[in-house]
Each structure stands twice: as structure tokens, then as C-alpha cells.
Amino acid sequence: MMTMPEMIEPFIQRGLFADVDTAVAEMARNYTTQHIQQYQDTINRLQAHYGMTYEQFLTYLQARADILAQNPDPALNEAVMQEEEDALEWKIAQDMLHNWLSIQAEASL
């Protein structure tokens, strides 16, 4: 297995980075930024689709589930199941965004 300096050396030789420390810092910054953007894009897409925040969506989803419990309807059931999948995706995106933002702050990237 290659060491970190051995892996970074081709980048330095081609003049892309001045040294190993600079290369690692820039690659970590880019990797972190990419993940932050990915999860922010997911959140933005879901907010635009539903026209509300995640917290508002949870309230909306609970109201829909309450209606479904009182008045079973196969079409509504299917719609609520899709919305629950979206809620899970939204929650994961929010949690992961928080994690990547924490990493960014902790690593001073």
C-alpha cells in the first residue's frame, strides 16, 4: 500500500500543488465541499418540491397520516408512503449536511 506522500507525489510533480500538506488540505476541502453541496442540493430539491421546510413537512405528513388512519384510501396511502420515503431522504440529507458542516468547521477547511 502506498503512503500518503507517495500518492500525492504525482500531483506535486505536475505542479498542481506545492507540497503534500497543501495537496491534502485542498483535496480535503474539495471533498468536504462536494458533500456539503450534494446534501444541500437534496434539501433544496425537496423544499422546492413540497414548498415547505422539513419541519413543516413533518407536520403536514402527520396530518396526512391522521386522515389516512380515519379514512383508509389506497390512493392516499400510496401518496403518503412516497412522502414518507421523501421524509427519510430529507432527514438523512439534513443529518449528513450537519455532519459535513461540522467536519468543515473542525478541520478549518
PDB file of N, CA and C in Angstrom:
ATOM      1  N   MET A   1       0.840  -1.180   0.000  1.00  0.00           N
ATOM      2  CA  MET A   1       0.000   0.000   0.000  1.00  0.00           C
ATOM      3  C   MET A   1       0.889   1.249   0.000  1.00  0.00           C
ATOM      4  N   MET A   2       0.499   2.224  -0.770  1.00  0.00           N
ATOM      5  CA  MET A   2       1.275   3.458  -0.885  1.00  0.00           C
ATOM      6  C   MET A   2       1.059   4.356   0.335  1.00  0.00           C
ATOM      7  N   THR A   3       2.083   5.101   0.666  1.00  0.00           N
ATOM      8  CA  THR A   3       1.966   6.089   1.733  1.00  0.00           C
ATOM      9  C   THR A   3       1.293   7.344   1.166  1.00  0.00           C
ATOM     10  N   MET A   4       0.843   8.205   2.058  1.00  0.00           N
ATOM     11  CA  MET A   4       0.201   9.445   1.625  1.00  0.00           C
ATOM     12  C   MET A   4       1.128  10.270   0.729  1.00  0.00           C
ATOM     13  N   PRO A   5       2.375  10.500   1.130  1.00  0.00           N
ATOM     14  CA  PRO A   5       3.260  11.276   0.249  1.00  0.00           C
ATOM     15  C   PRO A   5       3.448  10.627  -1.123  1.00  0.00           C
ATOM     16  N   GLU A   6       3.498   9.298  -1.178  1.00  0.00           N
ATOM     17  CA  GLU A   6       3.657   8.616  -2.475  1.00  0.00           C
ATOM     18  C   GLU A   6       2.421   8.817  -3.355  1.00  0.00           C
ATOM     19  N   MET A   7       1.254   8.821  -2.754  1.00  0.00           N
ATOM     20  CA  MET A   7       0.018   9.034  -3.518  1.00  0.00           C
ATOM     21  C   MET A   7      -0.083  10.466  -4.037  1.00  0.00           C
ATOM     22  N   ILE A   8       0.421  11.402  -3.260  1.00  0.00           N
ATOM     23  CA  ILE A   8       0.304  12.817  -3.606  1.00  0.00           C
ATOM     24  C   ILE A   8       1.410  13.273  -4.563  1.00  0.00           C
ATOM     25  N   GLU A   9       2.517  12.574  -4.565  1.00  0.00           N
ATOM     26  CA  GLU A   9       3.687  12.986  -5.362  1.00  0.00           C
ATOM     27  C   GLU A   9       3.366  13.284  -6.826  1.00  0.00           C
ATOM     28  N   PRO A  10       2.570  12.477  -7.545  1.00  0.00           N
ATOM     29  CA  PRO A  10       2.269  12.817  -8.946  1.00  0.00           C
ATOM     30  C   PRO A  10       1.611  14.186  -9.105  1.00  0.00           C
ATOM     31  N   PHE A  11       0.819  14.590  -8.143  1.00  0.00           N
ATOM     32  CA  PHE A  11       0.168  15.902  -8.199  1.00  0.00           C
ATOM     33  C   PHE A  11       1.200  17.022  -8.021  1.00  0.00           C
ATOM     34  N   ILE A  12       2.132  16.781  -7.128  1.00  0.00           N
ATOM     35  CA  ILE A  12       3.180  17.770  -6.870  1.00  0.00           C
ATOM     36  C   ILE A  12       4.116  17.872  -8.074  1.00  0.00           C
ATOM     37  N   GLN A  13       4.500  16.734  -8.634  1.00  0.00           N
ATOM     38  CA  GLN A  13       5.394  16.721  -9.797  1.00  0.00           C
ATOM     39  C   GLN A  13       4.805  17.464 -10.982  1.00  0.00           C
ATOM     40  N   ARG A  14       3.503  17.438 -11.122  1.00  0.00           N
ATOM     41  CA  ARG A  14       2.838  18.115 -12.237  1.00  0.00           C
ATOM     42  C   ARG A  14       2.508  19.575 -11.920  1.00  0.00           C
ATOM     43  N   GLY A  15       2.925  20.021 -10.754  1.00  0.00           N
ATOM     44  CA  GLY A  15       2.746  21.417 -10.386  1.00  0.00           C
ATOM     45  C   GLY A  15       1.346  21.786  -9.929  1.00  0.00           C
ATOM     46  N   LEU A  16       0.528  20.790  -9.625  1.00  0.00           N
ATOM     47  CA  LEU A  16      -0.833  21.089  -9.188  1.00  0.00           C
ATOM     48  C   LEU A  16      -0.876  21.573  -7.744  1.00  0.00           C
ATOM     49  N   PHE A  17       0.086  21.133  -6.951  1.00  0.00           N
ATOM     50  CA  PHE A  17       0.200  21.540  -5.557  1.00  0.00           C
ATOM     51  C   PHE A  17       1.662  21.770  -5.229  1.00  0.00           C
ATOM     52  N   ALA A  18       1.910  22.658  -4.273  1.00  0.00           N
ATOM     53  CA  ALA A  18       3.289  22.979  -3.892  1.00  0.00           C
ATOM     54  C   ALA A  18       3.927  21.871  -3.063  1.00  0.00           C
ATOM     55  N   ASP A  19       3.115  21.244  -2.192  1.00  0.00           N
ATOM     56  CA  ASP A  19       3.664  20.222  -1.303  1.00  0.00           C
ATOM     57  C   ASP A  19       2.542  19.311  -0.809  1.00  0.00           C
ATOM     58  N   VAL A  20       2.925  18.294  -0.056  1.00  0.00           N
ATOM     59  CA  VAL A  20       1.956  17.309   0.432  1.00  0.00           C
ATOM     60  C   VAL A  20       0.893  17.959   1.316  1.00  0.00           C
ATOM     61  N   ASP A  21       1.302  18.811   2.231  1.00  0.00           N
ATOM     62  CA  ASP A  21       0.340  19.440   3.138  1.00  0.00           C
ATOM     63  C   ASP A  21      -0.693  20.264   2.386  1.00  0.00           C
ATOM     64  N   THR A  22      -0.236  21.022   1.404  1.00  0.00           N
ATOM     65  CA  THR A  22      -1.152  21.833   0.600  1.00  0.00           C
ATOM     66  C   THR A  22      -2.093  20.945  -0.193  1.00  0.00           C
ATOM     67  N   ALA A  23      -1.574  19.883  -0.762  1.00  0.00           N
ATOM     68  CA  ALA A  23      -2.393  18.956  -1.548  1.00  0.00           C
ATOM     69  C   ALA A  23      -3.469  18.306  -0.684  1.00  0.00           C
ATOM     70  N   VAL A  24      -3.081  17.804   0.462  1.00  0.00           N
ATOM     71  CA  VAL A  24      -4.039  17.137   1.343  1.00  0.00           C
ATOM     72  C   VAL A  24      -5.110  18.124   1.808  1.00  0.00           C
ATOM     73  N   ALA A  25      -4.702  19.318   2.181  1.00  0.00           N
ATOM     74  CA  ALA A  25      -5.658  20.323   2.642  1.00  0.00           C
ATOM     75  C   ALA A  25      -6.653  20.680   1.534  1.00  0.00           C
ATOM     76  N   GLU A  26      -6.151  20.890   0.323  1.00  0.00           N
ATOM     77  CA  GLU A  26      -7.030  21.267  -0.792  1.00  0.00           C
ATOM     78  C   GLU A  26      -7.955  20.114  -1.179  1.00  0.00           C
ATOM     79  N   MET A  27      -7.437  18.908  -1.191  1.00  0.00           N
ATOM     80  CA  MET A  27      -8.276  17.749  -1.524  1.00  0.00           C
ATOM     81  C   MET A  27      -9.347  17.531  -0.457  1.00  0.00           C
ATOM     82  N   ALA A  28      -8.990  17.698   0.794  1.00  0.00           N
ATOM     83  CA  ALA A  28      -9.971  17.557   1.875  1.00  0.00           C
ATOM     84  C   ALA A  28     -11.036  18.638   1.768  1.00  0.00           C
ATOM     85  N   ARG A  29     -10.617  19.866   1.457  1.00  0.00           N
ATOM     86  CA  ARG A  29     -11.555  20.980   1.302  1.00  0.00           C
ATOM     87  C   ARG A  29     -12.518  20.696   0.147  1.00  0.00           C
ATOM     88  N   ASN A  30     -11.983  20.246  -0.990  1.00  0.00           N
ATOM     89  CA  ASN A  30     -12.833  19.945  -2.151  1.00  0.00           C
ATOM     90  C   ASN A  30     -13.794  18.792  -1.862  1.00  0.00           C
ATOM     91  N   TYR A  31     -13.313  17.753  -1.212  1.00  0.00           N
ATOM     92  CA  TYR A  31     -14.136  16.593  -0.879  1.00  0.00           C
ATOM     93  C   TYR A  31     -15.277  16.993   0.053  1.00  0.00           C
ATOM     94  N   THR A  32     -14.945  17.789   1.050  1.00  0.00           N
ATOM     95  CA  THR A  32     -15.947  18.250   2.003  1.00  0.00           C
ATOM     96  C   THR A  32     -16.970  19.151   1.322  1.00  0.00           C
ATOM     97  N   THR A  33     -16.507  20.078   0.515  1.00  0.00           N
ATOM     98  CA  THR A  33     -17.393  20.994  -0.194  1.00  0.00           C
ATOM     99  C   THR A  33     -18.333  20.236  -1.127  1.00  0.00           C
ATOM    100  N   GLN A  34     -17.825  19.211  -1.792  1.00  0.00           N
ATOM    101  CA  GLN A  34     -18.641  18.394  -2.692  1.00  0.00           C
ATOM    102  C   GLN A  34     -19.791  17.726  -1.928  1.00  0.00           C
ATOM    103  N   HIS A  35     -19.504  17.182  -0.761  1.00  0.00           N
ATOM    104  CA  HIS A  35     -20.542  16.534   0.026  1.00  0.00           C
ATOM    105  C   HIS A  35     -21.545  17.543   0.583  1.00  0.00           C
ATOM    106  N   ILE A  36     -21.066  18.674   1.020  1.00  0.00           N
ATOM    107  CA  ILE A  36     -21.969  19.722   1.503  1.00  0.00           C
ATOM    108  C   ILE A  36     -22.930  20.128   0.391  1.00  0.00           C
ATOM    109  N   GLN A  37     -22.412  20.328  -0.804  1.00  0.00           N
ATOM    110  CA  GLN A  37     -23.253  20.732  -1.935  1.00  0.00           C
ATOM    111  C   GLN A  37     -24.261  19.639  -2.292  1.00  0.00           C
ATOM    112  N   GLN A  38     -23.827  18.385  -2.265  1.00  0.00           N
ATOM    113  CA  GLN A  38     -24.708  17.265  -2.576  1.00  0.00           C
ATOM    114  C   GLN A  38     -25.918  17.230  -1.644  1.00  0.00           C
ATOM    115  N   TYR A  39     -25.670  17.329  -0.350  1.00  0.00           N
ATOM    116  CA  TYR A  39     -26.776  17.259   0.607  1.00  0.00           C
ATOM    117  C   TYR A  39     -27.611  18.536   0.602  1.00  0.00           C
ATOM    118  N   GLN A  40     -26.991  19.683   0.369  1.00  0.00           N
ATOM    119  CA  GLN A  40     -27.761  20.927   0.265  1.00  0.00           C
ATOM    120  C   GLN A  40     -28.658  20.883  -0.966  1.00  0.00           C
ATOM    121  N   ASP A  41     -28.168  20.316  -2.064  1.00  0.00           N
ATOM    122  CA  ASP A  41     -28.988  20.176  -3.270  1.00  0.00           C
ATOM    123  C   ASP A  41     -30.210  19.297  -3.011  1.00  0.00           C
ATOM    124  N   THR A  42     -30.025  18.212  -2.277  1.00  0.00           N
ATOM    125  CA  THR A  42     -31.147  17.332  -1.937  1.00  0.00           C
ATOM    126  C   THR A  42     -32.178  18.080  -1.106  1.00  0.00           C
ATOM    127  N   ILE A  43     -31.723  18.815  -0.108  1.00  0.00           N
ATOM    128  CA  ILE A  43     -32.623  19.594   0.739  1.00  0.00           C
ATOM    129  C   ILE A  43     -33.357  20.645  -0.087  1.00  0.00           C
ATOM    130  N   ASN A  44     -32.631  21.354  -0.929  1.00  0.00           N
ATOM    131  CA  ASN A  44     -33.252  22.386  -1.770  1.00  0.00           C
ATOM    132  C   ASN A  44     -34.291  21.789  -2.712  1.00  0.00           C
ATOM    133  N   ARG A  45     -33.991  20.621  -3.283  1.00  0.00           N
ATOM    134  CA  ARG A  45     -34.918  19.961  -4.199  1.00  0.00           C
ATOM    135  C   ARG A  45     -36.211  19.589  -3.483  1.00  0.00           C
ATOM    136  N   LEU A  46     -36.088  19.022  -2.303  1.00  0.00           N
ATOM    137  CA  LEU A  46     -37.281  18.622  -1.551  1.00  0.00           C
ATOM    138  C   LEU A  46     -38.067  19.828  -1.053  1.00  0.00           C
ATOM    139  N   GLN A  47     -37.380  20.881  -0.625  1.00  0.00           N
ATOM    140  CA  GLN A  47     -38.077  22.105  -0.205  1.00  0.00           C
ATOM    141  C   GLN A  47     -38.846  22.711  -1.373  1.00  0.00           C
ATOM    142  N   ALA A  48     -38.233  22.720  -2.541  1.00  0.00           N
ATOM    143  CA  ALA A  48     -38.907  23.271  -3.724  1.00  0.00           C
ATOM    144  C   ALA A  48     -40.088  22.393  -4.136  1.00  0.00           C
ATOM    145  N   HIS A  49     -39.905  21.103  -4.072  1.00  0.00           N
ATOM    146  CA  HIS A  49     -40.963  20.170  -4.475  1.00  0.00           C
ATOM    147  C   HIS A  49     -42.195  20.304  -3.577  1.00  0.00           C
ATOM    148  N   TYR A  50     -41.972  20.380  -2.280  1.00  0.00           N
ATOM    149  CA  TYR A  50     -43.093  20.439  -1.341  1.00  0.00           C
ATOM    150  C   TYR A  50     -43.462  21.855  -0.920  1.00  0.00           C
ATOM    151  N   GLY A  51     -42.616  22.822  -1.227  1.00  0.00           N
ATOM    152  CA  GLY A  51     -42.915  24.212  -0.900  1.00  0.00           C
ATOM    153  C   GLY A  51     -42.921  24.505   0.586  1.00  0.00           C
ATOM    154  N   MET A  52     -42.086  23.774   1.338  1.00  0.00           N
ATOM    155  CA  MET A  52     -42.033  23.967   2.791  1.00  0.00           C
ATOM    156  C   MET A  52     -40.716  23.440   3.329  1.00  0.00           C
ATOM    157  N   THR A  53     -40.457  23.783   4.588  1.00  0.00           N
ATOM    158  CA  THR A  53     -39.257  23.289   5.257  1.00  0.00           C
ATOM    159  C   THR A  53     -39.492  21.843   5.711  1.00  0.00           C
ATOM    160  N   TYR A  54     -38.443  21.206   6.167  1.00  0.00           N
ATOM    161  CA  TYR A  54     -38.549  19.841   6.668  1.00  0.00           C
ATOM    162  C   TYR A  54     -39.482  19.777   7.874  1.00  0.00           C
ATOM    163  N   GLU A  55     -39.354  20.716   8.782  1.00  0.00           N
ATOM    164  CA  GLU A  55     -40.188  20.729   9.972  1.00  0.00           C
ATOM    165  C   GLU A  55     -41.668  20.898   9.607  1.00  0.00           C
ATOM    166  N   GLN A  56     -41.952  21.775   8.661  1.00  0.00           N
ATOM    167  CA  GLN A  56     -43.321  21.958   8.185  1.00  0.00           C
ATOM    168  C   GLN A  56     -43.822  20.684   7.500  1.00  0.00           C
ATOM    169  N   PHE A  57     -42.932  20.055   6.757  1.00  0.00           N
ATOM    170  CA  PHE A  57     -43.291  18.828   6.053  1.00  0.00           C
ATOM    171  C   PHE A  57     -43.669  17.719   7.030  1.00  0.00           C
ATOM    172  N   LEU A  58     -42.952  17.618   8.148  1.00  0.00           N
ATOM    173  CA  LEU A  58     -43.284  16.597   9.146  1.00  0.00           C
ATOM    174  C   LEU A  58     -44.683  16.811   9.704  1.00  0.00           C
ATOM    175  N   THR A  59     -45.047  18.062   9.952  1.00  0.00           N
ATOM    176  CA  THR A  59     -46.391  18.388  10.438  1.00  0.00           C
ATOM    177  C   THR A  59     -47.433  18.015   9.384  1.00  0.00           C
ATOM    178  N   TYR A  60     -47.162  18.385   8.152  1.00  0.00           N
ATOM    179  CA  TYR A  60     -48.043  18.044   7.020  1.00  0.00           C
ATOM    180  C   TYR A  60     -48.196  16.534   6.903  1.00  0.00           C
ATOM    181  N   LEU A  61     -47.099  15.818   6.995  1.00  0.00           N
ATOM    182  CA  LEU A  61     -47.114  14.365   6.847  1.00  0.00           C
ATOM    183  C   LEU A  61     -47.912  13.705   7.973  1.00  0.00           C
ATOM    184  N   GLN A  62     -47.773  14.209   9.182  1.00  0.00           N
ATOM    185  CA  GLN A  62     -48.544  13.670  10.310  1.00  0.00           C
ATOM    186  C   GLN A  62     -50.038  13.891  10.092  1.00  0.00           C
ATOM    187  N   ALA A  63     -50.396  15.056   9.596  1.00  0.00           N
ATOM    188  CA  ALA A  63     -51.811  15.346   9.323  1.00  0.00           C
ATOM    189  C   ALA A  63     -52.353  14.399   8.259  1.00  0.00           C
ATOM    190  N   ARG A  64     -51.550  14.136   7.248  1.00  0.00           N
ATOM    191  CA  ARG A  64     -51.969  13.207   6.183  1.00  0.00           C
ATOM    192  C   ARG A  64     -52.127  11.794   6.739  1.00  0.00           C
ATOM    193  N   ALA A  65     -51.225  11.386   7.604  1.00  0.00           N
ATOM    194  CA  ALA A  65     -51.308  10.053   8.204  1.00  0.00           C
ATOM    195  C   ALA A  65     -52.557   9.948   9.091  1.00  0.00           C
ATOM    196  N   ASP A  66     -52.882  11.018   9.802  1.00  0.00           N
ATOM    197  CA  ASP A  66     -54.079  11.034  10.647  1.00  0.00           C
ATOM    198  C   ASP A  66     -55.345  10.885   9.800  1.00  0.00           C
ATOM    199  N   ILE A  67     -55.378  11.587   8.681  1.00  0.00           N
ATOM    200  CA  ILE A  67     -56.526  11.486   7.762  1.00  0.00           C
ATOM    201  C   ILE A  67     -56.629  10.062   7.239  1.00  0.00           C
ATOM    202  N   LEU A  68     -55.511   9.494   6.866  1.00  0.00           N
ATOM    203  CA  LEU A  68     -55.490   8.130   6.333  1.00  0.00           C
ATOM    204  C   LEU A  68     -55.957   7.116   7.372  1.00  0.00           C
ATOM    205  N   ALA A  69     -55.578   7.324   8.620  1.00  0.00           N
ATOM    206  CA  ALA A  69     -55.992   6.411   9.690  1.00  0.00           C
ATOM    207  C   ALA A  69     -57.509   6.451   9.899  1.00  0.00           C
ATOM    208  N   GLN A  70     -58.103   7.627   9.717  1.00  0.00           N
ATOM    209  CA  GLN A  70     -59.546   7.777   9.907  1.00  0.00           C
ATOM    210  C   GLN A  70     -60.349   7.347   8.682  1.00  0.00           C
ATOM    211  N   ASN A  71     -59.754   7.560   7.511  1.00  0.00           N
ATOM    212  CA  ASN A  71     -60.444   7.264   6.247  1.00  0.00           C
ATOM    213  C   ASN A  71     -59.504   6.530   5.299  1.00  0.00           C
ATOM    214  N   PRO A  72     -59.385   5.225   5.430  1.00  0.00           N
ATOM    215  CA  PRO A  72     -58.473   4.480   4.553  1.00  0.00           C
ATOM    216  C   PRO A  72     -58.789   4.717   3.076  1.00  0.00           C
ATOM    217  N   ASP A  73     -57.742   4.992   2.333  1.00  0.00           N
ATOM    218  CA  ASP A  73     -57.868   5.279   0.902  1.00  0.00           C
ATOM    219  C   ASP A  73     -56.588   4.788   0.227  1.00  0.00           C
ATOM    220  N   PRO A  74     -56.691   3.827  -0.681  1.00  0.00           N
ATOM    221  CA  PRO A  74     -55.483   3.283  -1.313  1.00  0.00           C
ATOM    222  C   PRO A  74     -54.623   4.335  -2.034  1.00  0.00           C
ATOM    223  N   ALA A  75     -55.264   5.272  -2.694  1.00  0.00           N
ATOM    224  CA  ALA A  75     -54.501   6.308  -3.403  1.00  0.00           C
ATOM    225  C   ALA A  75     -53.757   7.203  -2.416  1.00  0.00           C
ATOM    226  N   LEU A  76     -54.443   7.601  -1.341  1.00  0.00           N
ATOM    227  CA  LEU A  76     -53.795   8.425  -0.319  1.00  0.00           C
ATOM    228  C   LEU A  76     -52.699   7.634   0.381  1.00  0.00           C
ATOM    229  N   ASN A  77     -52.950   6.368   0.622  1.00  0.00           N
ATOM    230  CA  ASN A  77     -51.947   5.510   1.245  1.00  0.00           C
ATOM    231  C   ASN A  77     -50.668   5.473   0.409  1.00  0.00           C
ATOM    232  N   GLU A  78     -50.822   5.325  -0.881  1.00  0.00           N
ATOM    233  CA  GLU A  78     -49.656   5.301  -1.778  1.00  0.00           C
ATOM    234  C   GLU A  78     -48.917   6.638  -1.755  1.00  0.00           C
ATOM    235  N   ALA A  79     -49.676   7.726  -1.776  1.00  0.00           N
ATOM    236  CA  ALA A  79     -49.064   9.059  -1.743  1.00  0.00           C
ATOM    237  C   ALA A  79     -48.315   9.282  -0.435  1.00  0.00           C
ATOM    238  N   VAL A  80     -48.908   8.865   0.676  1.00  0.00           N
ATOM    239  CA  VAL A  80     -48.264   9.043   1.977  1.00  0.00           C
ATOM    240  C   VAL A  80     -46.994   8.189   2.061  1.00  0.00           C
ATOM    241  N   MET A  81     -47.032   7.003   1.505  1.00  0.00           N
ATOM    242  CA  MET A  81     -45.827   6.155   1.517  1.00  0.00           C
ATOM    243  C   MET A  81     -44.683   6.836   0.768  1.00  0.00           C
ATOM    244  N   GLN A  82     -44.979   7.453  -0.376  1.00  0.00           N
ATOM    245  CA  GLN A  82     -43.947   8.173  -1.128  1.00  0.00           C
ATOM    246  C   GLN A  82     -43.448   9.372  -0.329  1.00  0.00           C
ATOM    247  N   GLU A  83     -44.358  10.067   0.311  1.00  0.00           N
ATOM    248  CA  GLU A  83     -43.968  11.213   1.124  1.00  0.00           C
ATOM    249  C   GLU A  83     -43.105  10.783   2.311  1.00  0.00           C
ATOM    250  N   GLU A  84     -43.399   9.628   2.882  1.00  0.00           N
ATOM    251  CA  GLU A  84     -42.572   9.126   3.975  1.00  0.00           C
ATOM    252  C   GLU A  84     -41.166   8.778   3.488  1.00  0.00           C
ATOM    253  N   GLU A  85     -41.065   8.241   2.284  1.00  0.00           N
ATOM    254  CA  GLU A  85     -39.741   7.986   1.701  1.00  0.00           C
ATOM    255  C   GLU A  85     -38.986   9.297   1.499  1.00  0.00           C
ATOM    256  N   ASP A  86     -39.689  10.312   1.014  1.00  0.00           N
ATOM    257  CA  ASP A  86     -39.065  11.626   0.842  1.00  0.00           C
ATOM    258  C   ASP A  86     -38.642  12.205   2.191  1.00  0.00           C
ATOM    259  N   ALA A  87     -39.475  11.995   3.224  1.00  0.00           N
ATOM    260  CA  ALA A  87     -39.132  12.488   4.560  1.00  0.00           C
ATOM    261  C   ALA A  87     -37.855  11.837   5.061  1.00  0.00           C
ATOM    262  N   LEU A  88     -37.700  10.551   4.814  1.00  0.00           N
ATOM    263  CA  LEU A  88     -36.482   9.855   5.224  1.00  0.00           C
ATOM    264  C   LEU A  88     -35.272  10.396   4.470  1.00  0.00           C
ATOM    265  N   GLU A  89     -35.403  10.563   3.162  1.00  0.00           N
ATOM    266  CA  GLU A  89     -34.303  11.128   2.365  1.00  0.00           C
ATOM    267  C   GLU A  89     -33.937  12.524   2.866  1.00  0.00           C
ATOM    268  N   TRP A  90     -34.937  13.316   3.177  1.00  0.00           N
ATOM    269  CA  TRP A  90     -34.751  14.686   3.661  1.00  0.00           C
ATOM    270  C   TRP A  90     -34.018  14.685   4.994  1.00  0.00           C
ATOM    271  N   LYS A  91     -34.453  13.798   5.899  1.00  0.00           N
ATOM    272  CA  LYS A  91     -33.827  13.694   7.224  1.00  0.00           C
ATOM    273  C   LYS A  91     -32.363  13.280   7.095  1.00  0.00           C
ATOM    274  N   ILE A  92     -32.105  12.298   6.266  1.00  0.00           N
ATOM    275  CA  ILE A  92     -30.724  11.845   6.058  1.00  0.00           C
ATOM    276  C   ILE A  92     -29.885  12.983   5.491  1.00  0.00           C
ATOM    277  N   ALA A  93     -30.424  13.701   4.514  1.00  0.00           N
ATOM    278  CA  ALA A  93     -29.684  14.818   3.912  1.00  0.00           C
ATOM    279  C   ALA A  93     -29.387  15.894   4.952  1.00  0.00           C
ATOM    280  N   GLN A  94     -30.350  16.191   5.805  1.00  0.00           N
ATOM    281  CA  GLN A  94     -30.118  17.199   6.852  1.00  0.00           C
ATOM    282  C   GLN A  94     -29.053  16.737   7.837  1.00  0.00           C
ATOM    283  N   ASP A  95     -29.140  15.481   8.255  1.00  0.00           N
ATOM    284  CA  ASP A  95     -28.148  14.952   9.198  1.00  0.00           C
ATOM    285  C   ASP A  95     -26.753  14.939   8.584  1.00  0.00           C
ATOM    286  N   MET A  96     -26.658  14.501   7.345  1.00  0.00           N
ATOM    287  CA  MET A  96     -25.353  14.431   6.693  1.00  0.00           C
ATOM    288  C   MET A  96     -24.792  15.831   6.415  1.00  0.00           C
ATOM    289  N   LEU A  97     -25.661  16.765   6.041  1.00  0.00           N
ATOM    290  CA  LEU A  97     -25.205  18.146   5.851  1.00  0.00           C
ATOM    291  C   LEU A  97     -24.627  18.680   7.146  1.00  0.00           C
ATOM    292  N   HIS A  98     -25.321  18.452   8.244  1.00  0.00           N
ATOM    293  CA  HIS A  98     -24.835  18.890   9.544  1.00  0.00           C
ATOM    294  C   HIS A  98     -23.463  18.267   9.841  1.00  0.00           C
ATOM    295  N   ASN A  99     -23.316  16.965   9.574  1.00  0.00           N
ATOM    296  CA  ASN A  99     -22.042  16.291   9.814  1.00  0.00           C
ATOM    297  C   ASN A  99     -20.917  16.881   8.982  1.00  0.00           C
ATOM    298  N   TRP A 100     -21.166  17.096   7.687  1.00  0.00           N
ATOM    299  CA  TRP A 100     -20.121  17.644   6.818  1.00  0.00           C
ATOM    300  C   TRP A 100     -19.792  19.090   7.183  1.00  0.00           C
ATOM    301  N   LEU A 101     -20.781  19.875   7.581  1.00  0.00           N
ATOM    302  CA  LEU A 101     -20.501  21.244   8.023  1.00  0.00           C
ATOM    303  C   LEU A 101     -19.678  21.238   9.307  1.00  0.00           C
ATOM    304  N   SER A 102     -19.933  20.278  10.180  1.00  0.00           N
ATOM    305  CA  SER A 102     -19.143  20.142  11.405  1.00  0.00           C
ATOM    306  C   SER A 102     -17.705  19.775  11.083  1.00  0.00           C
ATOM    307  N   ILE A 103     -17.530  18.851  10.149  1.00  0.00           N
ATOM    308  CA  ILE A 103     -16.179  18.470   9.730  1.00  0.00           C
ATOM    309  C   ILE A 103     -15.460  19.675   9.148  1.00  0.00           C
ATOM    310  N   GLN A 104     -16.157  20.419   8.300  1.00  0.00           N
ATOM    311  CA  GLN A 104     -15.570  21.607   7.694  1.00  0.00           C
ATOM    312  C   GLN A 104     -15.104  22.593   8.762  1.00  0.00           C
ATOM    313  N   ALA A 105     -15.914  22.806   9.780  1.00  0.00           N
ATOM    314  CA  ALA A 105     -15.561  23.740  10.839  1.00  0.00           C
ATOM    315  C   ALA A 105     -14.425  23.193  11.702  1.00  0.00           C
ATOM    316  N   GLU A 106     -14.520  21.930  12.074  1.00  0.00           N
ATOM    317  CA  GLU A 106     -13.496  21.331  12.931  1.00  0.00           C
ATOM    318  C   GLU A 106     -12.130  21.283  12.256  1.00  0.00           C
ATOM    319  N   ALA A 107     -12.132  21.027  10.949  1.00  0.00           N
ATOM    320  CA  ALA A 107     -10.875  20.913  10.209  1.00  0.00           C
ATOM    321  C   ALA A 107     -10.415  22.267   9.664  1.00  0.00           C
ATOM    322  N   SER A 108     -11.198  23.315   9.932  1.00  0.00           N
ATOM    323  CA  SER A 108     -10.892  24.672   9.428  1.00  0.00           C
ATOM    324  C   SER A 108     -10.643  24.659   7.929  1.00  0.00           C
ATOM    325  N   LEU A 109     -11.567  24.037   7.210  1.00  0.00           N
ATOM    326  CA  LEU A 109     -11.424  23.941   5.737  1.00  0.00           C
ATOM    327  C   LEU A 109     -12.047  25.117   5.041  1.00  0.00           C
TER     328      LEU A 109
END
